[in-house]
């Protein structure tokens, strides 16, 4: 874990489950934790962004999630991490020992409820992602992805994507070329504008929502 320790901060999993942790910095593409390592910590993004992923037996990458400022990741039911996590950009995180969260949940029913609700939300997100991969076309997947990211970033009508086209492709089960064509088509339909490769302007959310729900 190549990171520099900074000041303490808090991870908040609900109104009754907030714990002070340690802030750490990770450079772009630095590994935060690896699959099968001991799952001793839980993480919250302060700034930057994180991707969580697995690798197939032939070395292909499948990104399973992106984690943005304010979001928690690294929560495991077992003793080891089932995913690998990397910083998408220079990223600050707050880390808390998992044992402290488990202790708080064991001692306070309200904290335990917060923990359960968080786990339930995580399962719902995984199901939604599986539905997108299994039932939607390439254009529908990209449209749904942009709508979801725009809501999570909360930057009004325009925002900078913290991930590359390759990251998006590996998250949506597409090729980079297909993702790029989908962006171009949405720009042609005036659903979005792309002043640069990562800067997205939401010009017509209704058009994008129709494409995502098709």
N, C-alpha and C. Protein backbone atom coordinates (compact mmCIF):
# COMPACT_ATOMS: atom_id res chain seq x y z
N UNK A 1 0.86 -1.19 0.00
CA UNK A 1 0.00 0.00 0.00
C UNK A 1 0.89 1.23 0.00
N UNK A 2 1.21 1.74 -1.23
CA UNK A 2 2.12 2.87 -1.33
C UNK A 2 1.33 4.16 -1.21
N UNK A 3 1.18 4.65 0.00
CA UNK A 3 0.41 5.85 0.24
C UNK A 3 1.02 6.61 1.40
N UNK A 4 0.77 7.91 1.40
CA UNK A 4 1.32 8.74 2.47
C UNK A 4 0.22 9.09 3.46
N UNK A 5 0.47 8.85 4.73
CA UNK A 5 -0.53 9.10 5.76
C UNK A 5 -0.70 10.59 6.00
N UNK A 6 -1.95 11.02 6.16
CA UNK A 6 -2.24 12.42 6.43
C UNK A 6 -3.12 12.52 7.66
N UNK A 7 -4.01 13.53 7.68
CA UNK A 7 -4.80 13.77 8.88
C UNK A 7 -5.99 12.82 8.98
N UNK A 8 -6.57 12.74 10.19
CA UNK A 8 -7.70 11.84 10.41
C UNK A 8 -8.98 12.43 9.83
N UNK A 9 -9.92 11.54 9.52
CA UNK A 9 -11.21 11.96 9.00
C UNK A 9 -12.23 10.88 9.36
N UNK A 10 -13.42 10.96 8.77
CA UNK A 10 -14.52 10.09 9.20
C UNK A 10 -15.09 9.31 8.03
N UNK A 11 -15.43 8.05 8.26
CA UNK A 11 -16.24 7.26 7.34
C UNK A 11 -17.65 7.19 7.92
N UNK A 12 -18.63 7.51 7.07
CA UNK A 12 -20.02 7.57 7.52
C UNK A 12 -20.84 6.55 6.71
N UNK A 13 -21.34 5.52 7.39
CA UNK A 13 -22.20 4.53 6.76
C UNK A 13 -23.67 4.69 7.16
N UNK A 14 -23.97 5.77 7.85
CA UNK A 14 -25.35 6.01 8.27
C UNK A 14 -25.36 6.89 9.50
N UNK A 15 -26.55 7.32 9.94
CA UNK A 15 -26.67 8.24 11.08
C UNK A 15 -26.12 7.67 12.38
N UNK A 16 -26.06 6.34 12.48
CA UNK A 16 -25.58 5.73 13.74
C UNK A 16 -24.28 4.97 13.54
N UNK A 17 -23.62 5.17 12.39
CA UNK A 17 -22.39 4.41 12.13
C UNK A 17 -21.38 5.30 11.43
N UNK A 18 -20.70 6.12 12.22
CA UNK A 18 -19.65 7.00 11.73
C UNK A 18 -18.42 6.79 12.61
N UNK A 19 -17.28 6.57 11.98
CA UNK A 19 -16.05 6.32 12.72
C UNK A 19 -14.90 7.12 12.15
N UNK A 20 -14.06 7.62 13.05
CA UNK A 20 -12.90 8.38 12.62
C UNK A 20 -11.83 7.43 12.13
N UNK A 21 -11.23 7.79 10.99
CA UNK A 21 -10.17 6.97 10.41
C UNK A 21 -8.95 7.80 10.06
N UNK A 22 -8.16 7.31 9.14
CA UNK A 22 -6.93 7.97 8.71
C UNK A 22 -7.00 8.30 7.24
N UNK A 23 -6.63 9.52 6.89
CA UNK A 23 -6.64 9.91 5.48
C UNK A 23 -5.32 9.51 4.83
N UNK A 24 -5.43 8.97 3.60
CA UNK A 24 -4.25 8.54 2.86
C UNK A 24 -4.37 8.99 1.41
N UNK A 25 -3.22 9.17 0.77
CA UNK A 25 -3.19 9.59 -0.64
C UNK A 25 -2.62 8.48 -1.51
N UNK A 26 -3.27 8.26 -2.67
CA UNK A 26 -2.81 7.27 -3.64
C UNK A 26 -2.62 7.95 -5.00
N UNK A 27 -1.51 7.67 -5.65
CA UNK A 27 -1.26 8.22 -6.97
C UNK A 27 -2.12 7.51 -8.02
N UNK A 28 -2.21 8.12 -9.19
CA UNK A 28 -2.97 7.54 -10.30
C UNK A 28 -2.48 6.12 -10.62
N UNK A 29 -3.42 5.20 -10.74
CA UNK A 29 -3.19 3.79 -11.06
C UNK A 29 -2.55 2.99 -9.92
N UNK A 30 -2.37 3.61 -8.75
CA UNK A 30 -1.80 2.87 -7.62
C UNK A 30 -2.82 1.87 -7.09
N UNK A 31 -2.34 0.69 -6.72
CA UNK A 31 -3.23 -0.32 -6.13
C UNK A 31 -3.52 0.03 -4.68
N UNK A 32 -4.79 0.00 -4.32
CA UNK A 32 -5.22 0.27 -2.95
C UNK A 32 -5.27 -1.03 -2.16
N UNK A 33 -5.86 -2.04 -2.74
CA UNK A 33 -5.77 -3.40 -2.20
C UNK A 33 -5.96 -4.38 -3.35
N UNK A 34 -5.53 -5.62 -3.12
CA UNK A 34 -5.60 -6.63 -4.16
C UNK A 34 -6.53 -7.77 -3.78
N UNK A 35 -7.05 -8.43 -4.80
CA UNK A 35 -7.91 -9.60 -4.59
C UNK A 35 -7.17 -10.65 -3.78
N UNK A 36 -7.85 -11.23 -2.82
CA UNK A 36 -7.33 -12.28 -1.92
C UNK A 36 -6.45 -11.74 -0.79
N UNK A 37 -6.24 -10.42 -0.71
CA UNK A 37 -5.56 -9.86 0.45
C UNK A 37 -6.53 -9.80 1.63
N UNK A 38 -5.99 -9.77 2.83
CA UNK A 38 -6.83 -9.69 4.03
C UNK A 38 -7.68 -8.42 4.00
N UNK A 39 -8.99 -8.58 4.20
CA UNK A 39 -9.92 -7.45 4.13
C UNK A 39 -9.99 -6.76 5.49
N UNK A 40 -8.92 -6.06 5.83
CA UNK A 40 -8.80 -5.48 7.17
C UNK A 40 -9.33 -4.05 7.26
N UNK A 41 -9.57 -3.40 6.10
CA UNK A 41 -9.95 -1.99 6.12
C UNK A 41 -11.17 -1.74 5.24
N UNK A 42 -11.88 -0.67 5.57
CA UNK A 42 -12.97 -0.14 4.75
C UNK A 42 -12.56 1.27 4.35
N UNK A 43 -12.93 1.69 3.14
CA UNK A 43 -12.42 2.93 2.56
C UNK A 43 -13.56 3.86 2.15
N UNK A 44 -13.29 5.16 2.20
CA UNK A 44 -14.22 6.17 1.70
C UNK A 44 -13.43 7.16 0.84
N UNK A 45 -13.96 7.49 -0.34
CA UNK A 45 -13.28 8.42 -1.24
C UNK A 45 -13.53 9.86 -0.77
N UNK A 46 -12.45 10.59 -0.57
CA UNK A 46 -12.53 12.02 -0.23
C UNK A 46 -12.44 12.85 -1.50
N UNK A 47 -11.45 12.56 -2.34
CA UNK A 47 -11.31 13.23 -3.63
C UNK A 47 -10.69 12.23 -4.61
N UNK A 48 -10.90 12.50 -5.90
CA UNK A 48 -10.44 11.54 -6.90
C UNK A 48 -11.49 10.49 -7.17
N UNK A 49 -11.06 9.31 -7.59
CA UNK A 49 -12.00 8.22 -7.90
C UNK A 49 -11.25 6.90 -7.90
N UNK A 50 -12.01 5.81 -7.73
CA UNK A 50 -11.44 4.47 -7.59
C UNK A 50 -12.20 3.51 -8.49
N UNK A 51 -11.50 2.54 -9.08
CA UNK A 51 -12.16 1.45 -9.80
C UNK A 51 -11.91 0.15 -9.04
N UNK A 52 -12.92 -0.70 -8.97
CA UNK A 52 -12.78 -2.04 -8.39
C UNK A 52 -13.01 -3.04 -9.50
N UNK A 53 -12.21 -4.12 -9.51
CA UNK A 53 -12.22 -5.00 -10.68
C UNK A 53 -11.71 -6.39 -10.32
N UNK A 54 -11.92 -7.30 -11.27
CA UNK A 54 -11.37 -8.63 -11.22
C UNK A 54 -10.67 -8.91 -12.55
N UNK A 55 -9.79 -9.91 -12.53
CA UNK A 55 -9.13 -10.34 -13.75
C UNK A 55 -9.51 -11.78 -14.05
N UNK A 56 -9.79 -12.06 -15.32
CA UNK A 56 -10.12 -13.43 -15.71
C UNK A 56 -8.84 -14.26 -15.76
N UNK A 57 -9.00 -15.57 -15.93
CA UNK A 57 -7.84 -16.46 -15.96
C UNK A 57 -6.90 -16.16 -17.12
N UNK A 58 -7.43 -15.55 -18.19
CA UNK A 58 -6.57 -15.21 -19.33
C UNK A 58 -6.09 -13.75 -19.27
N UNK A 59 -6.29 -13.10 -18.13
CA UNK A 59 -5.72 -11.77 -17.91
C UNK A 59 -6.61 -10.62 -18.31
N UNK A 60 -7.82 -10.89 -18.77
CA UNK A 60 -8.71 -9.78 -19.14
C UNK A 60 -9.29 -9.13 -17.89
N UNK A 61 -9.52 -7.82 -17.99
CA UNK A 61 -9.99 -7.03 -16.86
C UNK A 61 -11.50 -6.82 -16.95
N UNK A 62 -12.21 -7.03 -15.84
CA UNK A 62 -13.62 -6.68 -15.75
C UNK A 62 -13.79 -5.71 -14.59
N UNK A 63 -14.11 -4.46 -14.92
CA UNK A 63 -14.37 -3.46 -13.89
C UNK A 63 -15.79 -3.66 -13.37
N UNK A 64 -15.93 -3.75 -12.07
CA UNK A 64 -17.22 -4.01 -11.45
C UNK A 64 -17.81 -2.78 -10.76
N UNK A 65 -17.00 -1.75 -10.57
CA UNK A 65 -17.55 -0.56 -9.92
C UNK A 65 -16.60 0.62 -10.00
N UNK A 66 -17.18 1.82 -9.97
CA UNK A 66 -16.44 3.07 -9.82
C UNK A 66 -16.91 3.73 -8.54
N UNK A 67 -15.98 4.29 -7.78
CA UNK A 67 -16.31 4.88 -6.49
C UNK A 67 -15.84 6.33 -6.50
N UNK A 68 -16.79 7.22 -6.22
CA UNK A 68 -16.59 8.66 -6.34
C UNK A 68 -16.59 9.32 -4.97
N UNK A 69 -16.24 10.61 -4.88
CA UNK A 69 -16.16 11.27 -3.57
C UNK A 69 -17.42 11.08 -2.72
N UNK A 70 -17.20 10.70 -1.46
CA UNK A 70 -18.27 10.45 -0.51
C UNK A 70 -18.73 9.01 -0.47
N UNK A 71 -18.24 8.17 -1.40
CA UNK A 71 -18.70 6.79 -1.48
C UNK A 71 -17.75 5.83 -0.77
N UNK A 72 -18.32 4.79 -0.17
CA UNK A 72 -17.57 3.81 0.61
C UNK A 72 -17.37 2.54 -0.22
N UNK A 73 -16.21 1.92 -0.09
CA UNK A 73 -15.95 0.65 -0.77
C UNK A 73 -15.02 -0.20 0.08
N UNK A 74 -14.84 -1.45 -0.34
CA UNK A 74 -13.98 -2.35 0.41
C UNK A 74 -14.68 -3.11 1.50
N UNK A 75 -16.02 -3.05 1.56
CA UNK A 75 -16.78 -3.79 2.56
C UNK A 75 -16.92 -5.24 2.09
N UNK A 76 -16.45 -6.18 2.87
CA UNK A 76 -16.50 -7.60 2.53
C UNK A 76 -17.16 -8.39 3.65
N UNK A 77 -17.86 -9.46 3.28
CA UNK A 77 -18.43 -10.35 4.29
C UNK A 77 -17.42 -11.39 4.74
N UNK A 78 -16.51 -11.78 3.84
CA UNK A 78 -15.49 -12.76 4.18
C UNK A 78 -14.22 -12.11 4.69
N UNK A 79 -13.20 -12.94 4.88
CA UNK A 79 -11.94 -12.47 5.47
C UNK A 79 -11.01 -11.83 4.44
N UNK A 80 -11.28 -12.03 3.13
CA UNK A 80 -10.39 -11.51 2.10
C UNK A 80 -11.16 -10.65 1.11
N UNK A 81 -10.42 -9.73 0.47
CA UNK A 81 -11.04 -8.93 -0.58
C UNK A 81 -11.31 -9.81 -1.80
N UNK A 82 -12.49 -9.66 -2.38
CA UNK A 82 -12.84 -10.42 -3.57
C UNK A 82 -12.55 -9.64 -4.85
N UNK A 83 -12.10 -8.38 -4.70
CA UNK A 83 -11.81 -7.52 -5.83
C UNK A 83 -10.45 -6.85 -5.63
N UNK A 84 -9.95 -6.25 -6.70
CA UNK A 84 -8.78 -5.38 -6.64
C UNK A 84 -9.26 -3.94 -6.80
N UNK A 85 -8.68 -3.02 -6.05
CA UNK A 85 -9.06 -1.60 -6.14
C UNK A 85 -7.84 -0.77 -6.54
N UNK A 86 -8.04 0.15 -7.49
CA UNK A 86 -6.98 1.05 -7.95
C UNK A 86 -7.51 2.47 -8.02
N UNK A 87 -6.61 3.42 -7.82
CA UNK A 87 -6.97 4.84 -7.96
C UNK A 87 -7.03 5.20 -9.44
N UNK A 88 -8.12 5.83 -9.86
CA UNK A 88 -8.25 6.27 -11.25
C UNK A 88 -7.44 7.53 -11.52
N UNK A 89 -7.22 8.31 -10.50
CA UNK A 89 -6.52 9.59 -10.58
C UNK A 89 -5.89 9.81 -9.22
N UNK A 90 -5.08 10.86 -9.02
CA UNK A 90 -4.61 11.14 -7.67
C UNK A 90 -5.81 11.21 -6.71
N UNK A 91 -5.80 10.38 -5.69
CA UNK A 91 -7.00 10.14 -4.88
C UNK A 91 -6.69 10.16 -3.39
N UNK A 92 -7.52 10.85 -2.63
CA UNK A 92 -7.45 10.83 -1.17
C UNK A 92 -8.57 9.95 -0.63
N UNK A 93 -8.22 9.08 0.30
CA UNK A 93 -9.18 8.18 0.92
C UNK A 93 -9.11 8.30 2.43
N UNK A 94 -10.21 7.98 3.09
CA UNK A 94 -10.21 7.75 4.53
C UNK A 94 -10.34 6.26 4.75
N UNK A 95 -9.50 5.69 5.60
CA UNK A 95 -9.58 4.26 5.88
C UNK A 95 -9.87 4.03 7.36
N UNK A 96 -10.69 3.01 7.60
CA UNK A 96 -11.04 2.61 8.97
C UNK A 96 -10.87 1.11 9.07
N UNK A 97 -10.35 0.66 10.19
CA UNK A 97 -10.24 -0.78 10.40
C UNK A 97 -11.62 -1.42 10.42
N UNK A 98 -11.76 -2.49 9.67
CA UNK A 98 -13.03 -3.21 9.62
C UNK A 98 -13.46 -3.68 11.01
N UNK A 99 -12.51 -4.05 11.83
CA UNK A 99 -12.84 -4.55 13.18
C UNK A 99 -13.57 -3.48 14.00
N UNK A 100 -13.25 -2.21 13.77
CA UNK A 100 -13.93 -1.14 14.50
C UNK A 100 -15.38 -1.00 14.06
N UNK A 101 -15.62 -1.14 12.75
CA UNK A 101 -17.00 -1.09 12.26
C UNK A 101 -17.81 -2.28 12.77
N UNK A 102 -17.18 -3.45 12.79
CA UNK A 102 -17.88 -4.64 13.29
C UNK A 102 -18.18 -4.51 14.78
N UNK A 103 -17.24 -3.93 15.53
CA UNK A 103 -17.45 -3.74 16.96
C UNK A 103 -18.61 -2.77 17.22
N UNK A 104 -18.63 -1.67 16.45
CA UNK A 104 -19.71 -0.69 16.62
C UNK A 104 -21.06 -1.32 16.29
N UNK A 105 -21.10 -2.15 15.24
CA UNK A 105 -22.35 -2.80 14.85
C UNK A 105 -22.81 -3.80 15.90
N UNK A 106 -21.86 -4.49 16.53
CA UNK A 106 -22.21 -5.48 17.55
C UNK A 106 -22.74 -4.82 18.82
N UNK A 107 -22.28 -3.61 19.11
CA UNK A 107 -22.65 -2.95 20.35
C UNK A 107 -23.90 -2.08 20.24
N UNK A 108 -24.29 -1.69 19.02
CA UNK A 108 -25.41 -0.77 18.85
C UNK A 108 -26.31 -1.28 17.74
N UNK A 109 -27.55 -1.66 18.03
CA UNK A 109 -28.48 -2.15 17.00
C UNK A 109 -28.70 -1.15 15.87
N UNK A 110 -28.64 0.15 16.19
CA UNK A 110 -28.82 1.15 15.14
C UNK A 110 -27.66 1.12 14.16
N UNK A 111 -26.46 0.93 14.67
CA UNK A 111 -25.28 0.82 13.81
C UNK A 111 -25.36 -0.44 12.96
N UNK A 112 -25.82 -1.52 13.56
CA UNK A 112 -25.98 -2.78 12.82
C UNK A 112 -26.97 -2.60 11.67
N UNK A 113 -28.03 -1.83 11.92
CA UNK A 113 -29.03 -1.58 10.88
C UNK A 113 -28.41 -0.77 9.73
N UNK A 114 -27.58 0.20 10.07
CA UNK A 114 -26.90 1.00 9.05
C UNK A 114 -26.00 0.11 8.19
N UNK A 115 -25.29 -0.80 8.85
CA UNK A 115 -24.40 -1.73 8.14
C UNK A 115 -25.22 -2.60 7.19
N UNK A 116 -26.37 -3.10 7.66
CA UNK A 116 -27.22 -3.96 6.84
C UNK A 116 -27.80 -3.19 5.66
N UNK A 117 -28.22 -1.96 5.90
CA UNK A 117 -28.78 -1.15 4.82
C UNK A 117 -27.72 -0.85 3.76
N UNK A 118 -26.49 -0.61 4.20
CA UNK A 118 -25.41 -0.37 3.23
C UNK A 118 -25.18 -1.62 2.38
N UNK A 119 -25.13 -2.79 3.03
CA UNK A 119 -24.93 -4.04 2.29
C UNK A 119 -26.06 -4.28 1.31
N UNK A 120 -27.28 -3.95 1.69
CA UNK A 120 -28.43 -4.11 0.81
C UNK A 120 -28.33 -3.20 -0.41
N UNK A 121 -27.91 -1.95 -0.20
CA UNK A 121 -27.73 -1.03 -1.33
C UNK A 121 -26.67 -1.55 -2.28
N UNK A 122 -25.60 -2.11 -1.74
CA UNK A 122 -24.53 -2.64 -2.57
C UNK A 122 -25.03 -3.79 -3.44
N UNK A 123 -25.86 -4.66 -2.87
CA UNK A 123 -26.44 -5.77 -3.64
C UNK A 123 -27.38 -5.24 -4.72
N UNK A 124 -28.17 -4.22 -4.40
CA UNK A 124 -29.07 -3.63 -5.40
C UNK A 124 -28.29 -3.06 -6.57
N UNK A 125 -27.18 -2.38 -6.28
CA UNK A 125 -26.36 -1.81 -7.34
C UNK A 125 -25.77 -2.91 -8.22
N UNK A 126 -25.33 -4.01 -7.62
CA UNK A 126 -24.78 -5.12 -8.39
C UNK A 126 -25.84 -5.73 -9.30
N UNK A 127 -27.07 -5.86 -8.79
CA UNK A 127 -28.17 -6.41 -9.60
C UNK A 127 -28.49 -5.47 -10.77
N UNK A 128 -28.52 -4.17 -10.50
CA UNK A 128 -28.80 -3.20 -11.57
C UNK A 128 -27.74 -3.28 -12.66
N UNK A 129 -26.48 -3.41 -12.25
CA UNK A 129 -25.40 -3.49 -13.23
C UNK A 129 -25.52 -4.77 -14.06
N UNK A 130 -25.87 -5.88 -13.41
CA UNK A 130 -26.05 -7.14 -14.13
C UNK A 130 -27.18 -7.02 -15.14
N UNK A 131 -28.24 -6.32 -14.77
CA UNK A 131 -29.37 -6.12 -15.68
C UNK A 131 -28.94 -5.31 -16.90
N UNK A 132 -28.15 -4.27 -16.68
CA UNK A 132 -27.68 -3.45 -17.79
C UNK A 132 -26.84 -4.29 -18.75
N UNK A 133 -25.95 -5.10 -18.21
CA UNK A 133 -25.08 -5.91 -19.05
C UNK A 133 -25.86 -6.99 -19.80
N UNK A 134 -26.89 -7.53 -19.15
CA UNK A 134 -27.58 -8.66 -19.74
C UNK A 134 -28.71 -8.31 -20.68
N UNK A 135 -29.31 -7.12 -20.52
CA UNK A 135 -30.54 -6.82 -21.24
C UNK A 135 -30.45 -5.62 -22.18
N UNK A 136 -29.42 -4.80 -22.09
CA UNK A 136 -29.38 -3.57 -22.87
C UNK A 136 -28.36 -3.62 -24.00
N UNK A 137 -28.64 -2.87 -25.07
CA UNK A 137 -27.71 -2.76 -26.18
C UNK A 137 -26.54 -1.86 -25.79
N UNK A 138 -25.56 -1.76 -26.67
CA UNK A 138 -24.38 -0.95 -26.37
C UNK A 138 -24.75 0.51 -26.10
N UNK A 139 -25.58 1.09 -26.98
CA UNK A 139 -25.96 2.49 -26.80
C UNK A 139 -26.76 2.71 -25.53
N UNK A 140 -27.63 1.77 -25.20
CA UNK A 140 -28.42 1.86 -23.98
C UNK A 140 -27.53 1.78 -22.75
N UNK A 141 -26.51 0.92 -22.79
CA UNK A 141 -25.58 0.80 -21.65
C UNK A 141 -24.83 2.11 -21.41
N UNK A 142 -24.34 2.70 -22.49
CA UNK A 142 -23.56 3.95 -22.35
C UNK A 142 -24.46 5.08 -21.86
N UNK A 143 -25.68 5.17 -22.39
CA UNK A 143 -26.61 6.22 -21.95
C UNK A 143 -26.94 6.05 -20.47
N UNK A 144 -27.21 4.82 -20.03
CA UNK A 144 -27.52 4.58 -18.62
C UNK A 144 -26.32 4.90 -17.74
N UNK A 145 -25.13 4.59 -18.24
CA UNK A 145 -23.91 4.89 -17.48
C UNK A 145 -23.76 6.40 -17.28
N UNK A 146 -23.93 7.18 -18.34
CA UNK A 146 -23.76 8.63 -18.24
C UNK A 146 -24.80 9.24 -17.30
N UNK A 147 -26.03 8.78 -17.38
CA UNK A 147 -27.06 9.30 -16.47
C UNK A 147 -26.71 8.98 -15.02
N UNK A 148 -26.25 7.76 -14.77
CA UNK A 148 -25.90 7.38 -13.40
C UNK A 148 -24.73 8.17 -12.86
N UNK A 149 -23.69 8.34 -13.68
CA UNK A 149 -22.51 9.09 -13.23
C UNK A 149 -22.85 10.55 -12.99
N UNK A 150 -23.68 11.13 -13.86
CA UNK A 150 -24.02 12.55 -13.69
C UNK A 150 -24.77 12.78 -12.38
N UNK A 151 -25.63 11.85 -11.99
CA UNK A 151 -26.36 11.98 -10.73
C UNK A 151 -25.41 11.85 -9.54
N UNK A 152 -24.44 10.96 -9.64
CA UNK A 152 -23.52 10.73 -8.52
C UNK A 152 -22.52 11.87 -8.37
N UNK A 153 -22.11 12.50 -9.47
CA UNK A 153 -21.15 13.59 -9.38
C UNK A 153 -21.79 14.90 -8.91
N UNK A 154 -23.08 15.06 -9.17
CA UNK A 154 -23.83 16.23 -8.67
C UNK A 154 -23.20 17.55 -9.08
N UNK A 155 -22.82 17.65 -10.36
CA UNK A 155 -22.20 18.88 -10.84
C UNK A 155 -23.07 19.60 -11.86
N UNK A 156 -24.36 19.52 -11.73
CA UNK A 156 -25.25 20.23 -12.64
C UNK A 156 -25.29 19.57 -14.01
N UNK A 157 -25.20 20.39 -15.05
CA UNK A 157 -25.37 19.88 -16.41
C UNK A 157 -24.07 19.44 -17.06
N UNK A 158 -22.93 19.72 -16.46
CA UNK A 158 -21.68 19.28 -17.07
C UNK A 158 -20.72 18.77 -16.00
N UNK A 159 -19.84 17.86 -16.40
CA UNK A 159 -18.92 17.23 -15.47
C UNK A 159 -17.76 16.61 -16.23
N UNK A 160 -16.70 16.33 -15.49
CA UNK A 160 -15.53 15.64 -16.05
C UNK A 160 -15.57 14.18 -15.62
N UNK A 161 -15.49 13.28 -16.58
CA UNK A 161 -15.42 11.85 -16.28
C UNK A 161 -14.07 11.52 -15.68
N UNK A 162 -14.01 10.89 -14.53
CA UNK A 162 -12.71 10.52 -13.95
C UNK A 162 -12.11 9.28 -14.59
N UNK A 163 -12.91 8.56 -15.39
CA UNK A 163 -12.44 7.32 -15.99
C UNK A 163 -12.26 7.49 -17.50
N UNK A 164 -11.42 6.63 -18.08
CA UNK A 164 -11.14 6.68 -19.51
C UNK A 164 -12.19 5.89 -20.29
N UNK A 165 -12.15 6.00 -21.62
CA UNK A 165 -13.02 5.19 -22.47
C UNK A 165 -12.75 3.70 -22.24
N UNK A 166 -11.48 3.35 -22.02
CA UNK A 166 -11.14 1.94 -21.78
C UNK A 166 -11.76 1.45 -20.48
N UNK A 167 -11.77 2.29 -19.45
CA UNK A 167 -12.41 1.93 -18.18
C UNK A 167 -13.91 1.72 -18.38
N UNK A 168 -14.54 2.63 -19.10
CA UNK A 168 -15.98 2.52 -19.34
C UNK A 168 -16.28 1.24 -20.12
N UNK A 169 -15.46 0.95 -21.12
CA UNK A 169 -15.66 -0.27 -21.92
C UNK A 169 -15.56 -1.51 -21.05
N UNK A 170 -14.57 -1.56 -20.18
CA UNK A 170 -14.41 -2.74 -19.32
C UNK A 170 -15.49 -2.83 -18.25
N UNK A 171 -16.13 -1.73 -17.94
CA UNK A 171 -17.25 -1.74 -16.99
C UNK A 171 -18.54 -2.20 -17.66
N UNK A 172 -18.73 -1.81 -18.92
CA UNK A 172 -19.98 -2.10 -19.62
C UNK A 172 -19.90 -3.34 -20.49
N UNK A 173 -18.75 -4.01 -20.52
CA UNK A 173 -18.61 -5.21 -21.34
C UNK A 173 -18.62 -4.91 -22.83
N UNK A 174 -18.00 -3.77 -23.21
CA UNK A 174 -17.95 -3.33 -24.60
C UNK A 174 -16.51 -3.12 -25.03
N UNK A 175 -16.30 -2.82 -26.31
CA UNK A 175 -14.98 -2.41 -26.78
C UNK A 175 -14.86 -0.89 -26.69
N UNK A 176 -13.63 -0.41 -26.69
CA UNK A 176 -13.40 1.04 -26.66
C UNK A 176 -14.06 1.70 -27.87
N UNK A 177 -13.95 1.05 -29.04
CA UNK A 177 -14.52 1.60 -30.27
C UNK A 177 -16.03 1.73 -30.17
N UNK A 178 -16.68 0.75 -29.55
CA UNK A 178 -18.14 0.80 -29.40
C UNK A 178 -18.54 1.93 -28.46
N UNK A 179 -17.80 2.10 -27.36
CA UNK A 179 -18.09 3.20 -26.44
C UNK A 179 -17.94 4.54 -27.15
N UNK A 180 -16.87 4.69 -27.92
CA UNK A 180 -16.63 5.95 -28.63
C UNK A 180 -17.73 6.22 -29.65
N UNK A 181 -18.17 5.19 -30.38
CA UNK A 181 -19.26 5.37 -31.35
C UNK A 181 -20.55 5.78 -30.64
N UNK A 182 -20.81 5.20 -29.48
CA UNK A 182 -22.01 5.55 -28.73
C UNK A 182 -21.97 7.00 -28.28
N UNK A 183 -20.81 7.46 -27.82
CA UNK A 183 -20.67 8.87 -27.44
C UNK A 183 -20.92 9.77 -28.64
N UNK A 184 -20.35 9.41 -29.78
CA UNK A 184 -20.51 10.21 -30.99
C UNK A 184 -21.97 10.28 -31.42
N UNK A 185 -22.69 9.15 -31.33
CA UNK A 185 -24.10 9.11 -31.70
C UNK A 185 -24.94 9.97 -30.76
N UNK A 186 -24.66 9.92 -29.47
CA UNK A 186 -25.41 10.75 -28.52
C UNK A 186 -25.12 12.23 -28.74
N UNK A 187 -23.89 12.54 -29.15
CA UNK A 187 -23.57 13.93 -29.48
C UNK A 187 -24.31 14.35 -30.75
N UNK A 188 -24.39 13.47 -31.75
CA UNK A 188 -25.11 13.77 -32.99
C UNK A 188 -26.58 14.04 -32.72
N UNK A 189 -27.15 13.32 -31.75
CA UNK A 189 -28.56 13.49 -31.39
C UNK A 189 -28.79 14.67 -30.46
N UNK A 190 -27.72 15.40 -30.14
CA UNK A 190 -27.77 16.56 -29.24
C UNK A 190 -28.19 16.20 -27.83
N UNK A 191 -27.99 14.93 -27.44
CA UNK A 191 -28.24 14.53 -26.05
C UNK A 191 -27.12 15.01 -25.15
N UNK A 192 -25.89 15.02 -25.68
CA UNK A 192 -24.73 15.48 -24.94
C UNK A 192 -23.85 16.32 -25.86
N UNK A 193 -22.93 17.04 -25.26
CA UNK A 193 -21.84 17.69 -25.99
C UNK A 193 -20.54 17.24 -25.35
N UNK A 194 -19.48 17.16 -26.15
CA UNK A 194 -18.18 16.70 -25.66
C UNK A 194 -17.11 17.73 -26.02
N UNK A 195 -16.99 18.79 -25.21
CA UNK A 195 -15.94 19.78 -25.47
C UNK A 195 -14.53 19.18 -25.45
N UNK A 196 -14.35 18.10 -24.67
CA UNK A 196 -13.10 17.35 -24.67
C UNK A 196 -13.44 15.89 -24.44
N UNK A 197 -12.43 15.02 -24.46
CA UNK A 197 -12.70 13.58 -24.38
C UNK A 197 -13.36 13.17 -23.07
N UNK A 198 -13.12 13.94 -22.00
CA UNK A 198 -13.68 13.57 -20.70
C UNK A 198 -14.72 14.56 -20.17
N UNK A 199 -14.82 15.72 -20.78
CA UNK A 199 -15.80 16.71 -20.30
C UNK A 199 -17.11 16.50 -21.02
N UNK A 200 -18.17 16.25 -20.24
CA UNK A 200 -19.48 15.95 -20.81
C UNK A 200 -20.46 17.04 -20.40
N UNK A 201 -21.21 17.53 -21.38
CA UNK A 201 -22.29 18.49 -21.12
C UNK A 201 -23.61 17.78 -21.43
N UNK A 202 -24.49 17.72 -20.43
CA UNK A 202 -25.79 17.07 -20.61
C UNK A 202 -26.73 18.08 -21.26
N UNK A 203 -26.96 17.93 -22.55
CA UNK A 203 -27.78 18.90 -23.29
C UNK A 203 -29.26 18.54 -23.26
N UNK A 204 -29.56 17.24 -23.23
CA UNK A 204 -30.98 16.81 -23.24
C UNK A 204 -31.09 15.51 -22.47
N UNK A 205 -31.38 15.63 -21.18
CA UNK A 205 -31.49 14.44 -20.33
C UNK A 205 -32.64 13.53 -20.77
N UNK A 206 -33.72 14.12 -21.30
CA UNK A 206 -34.86 13.31 -21.71
C UNK A 206 -34.47 12.37 -22.85
N UNK A 207 -33.71 12.89 -23.81
CA UNK A 207 -33.24 12.04 -24.92
C UNK A 207 -32.35 10.93 -24.39
N UNK A 208 -31.49 11.28 -23.46
CA UNK A 208 -30.58 10.29 -22.90
C UNK A 208 -31.35 9.24 -22.08
N UNK A 209 -32.35 9.70 -21.34
CA UNK A 209 -33.15 8.77 -20.54
C UNK A 209 -33.94 7.82 -21.42
N UNK A 210 -34.46 8.31 -22.53
CA UNK A 210 -35.18 7.46 -23.47
C UNK A 210 -34.25 6.40 -24.05
N UNK A 211 -33.03 6.81 -24.38
CA UNK A 211 -32.06 5.86 -24.93
C UNK A 211 -31.68 4.81 -23.89
N UNK A 212 -31.55 5.21 -22.63
CA UNK A 212 -31.14 4.29 -21.58
C UNK A 212 -32.24 3.30 -21.25
N UNK A 213 -33.49 3.71 -21.41
CA UNK A 213 -34.62 2.87 -21.00
C UNK A 213 -35.18 2.03 -22.14
N UNK A 214 -34.61 2.17 -23.32
CA UNK A 214 -35.17 1.48 -24.49
C UNK A 214 -35.10 -0.04 -24.32
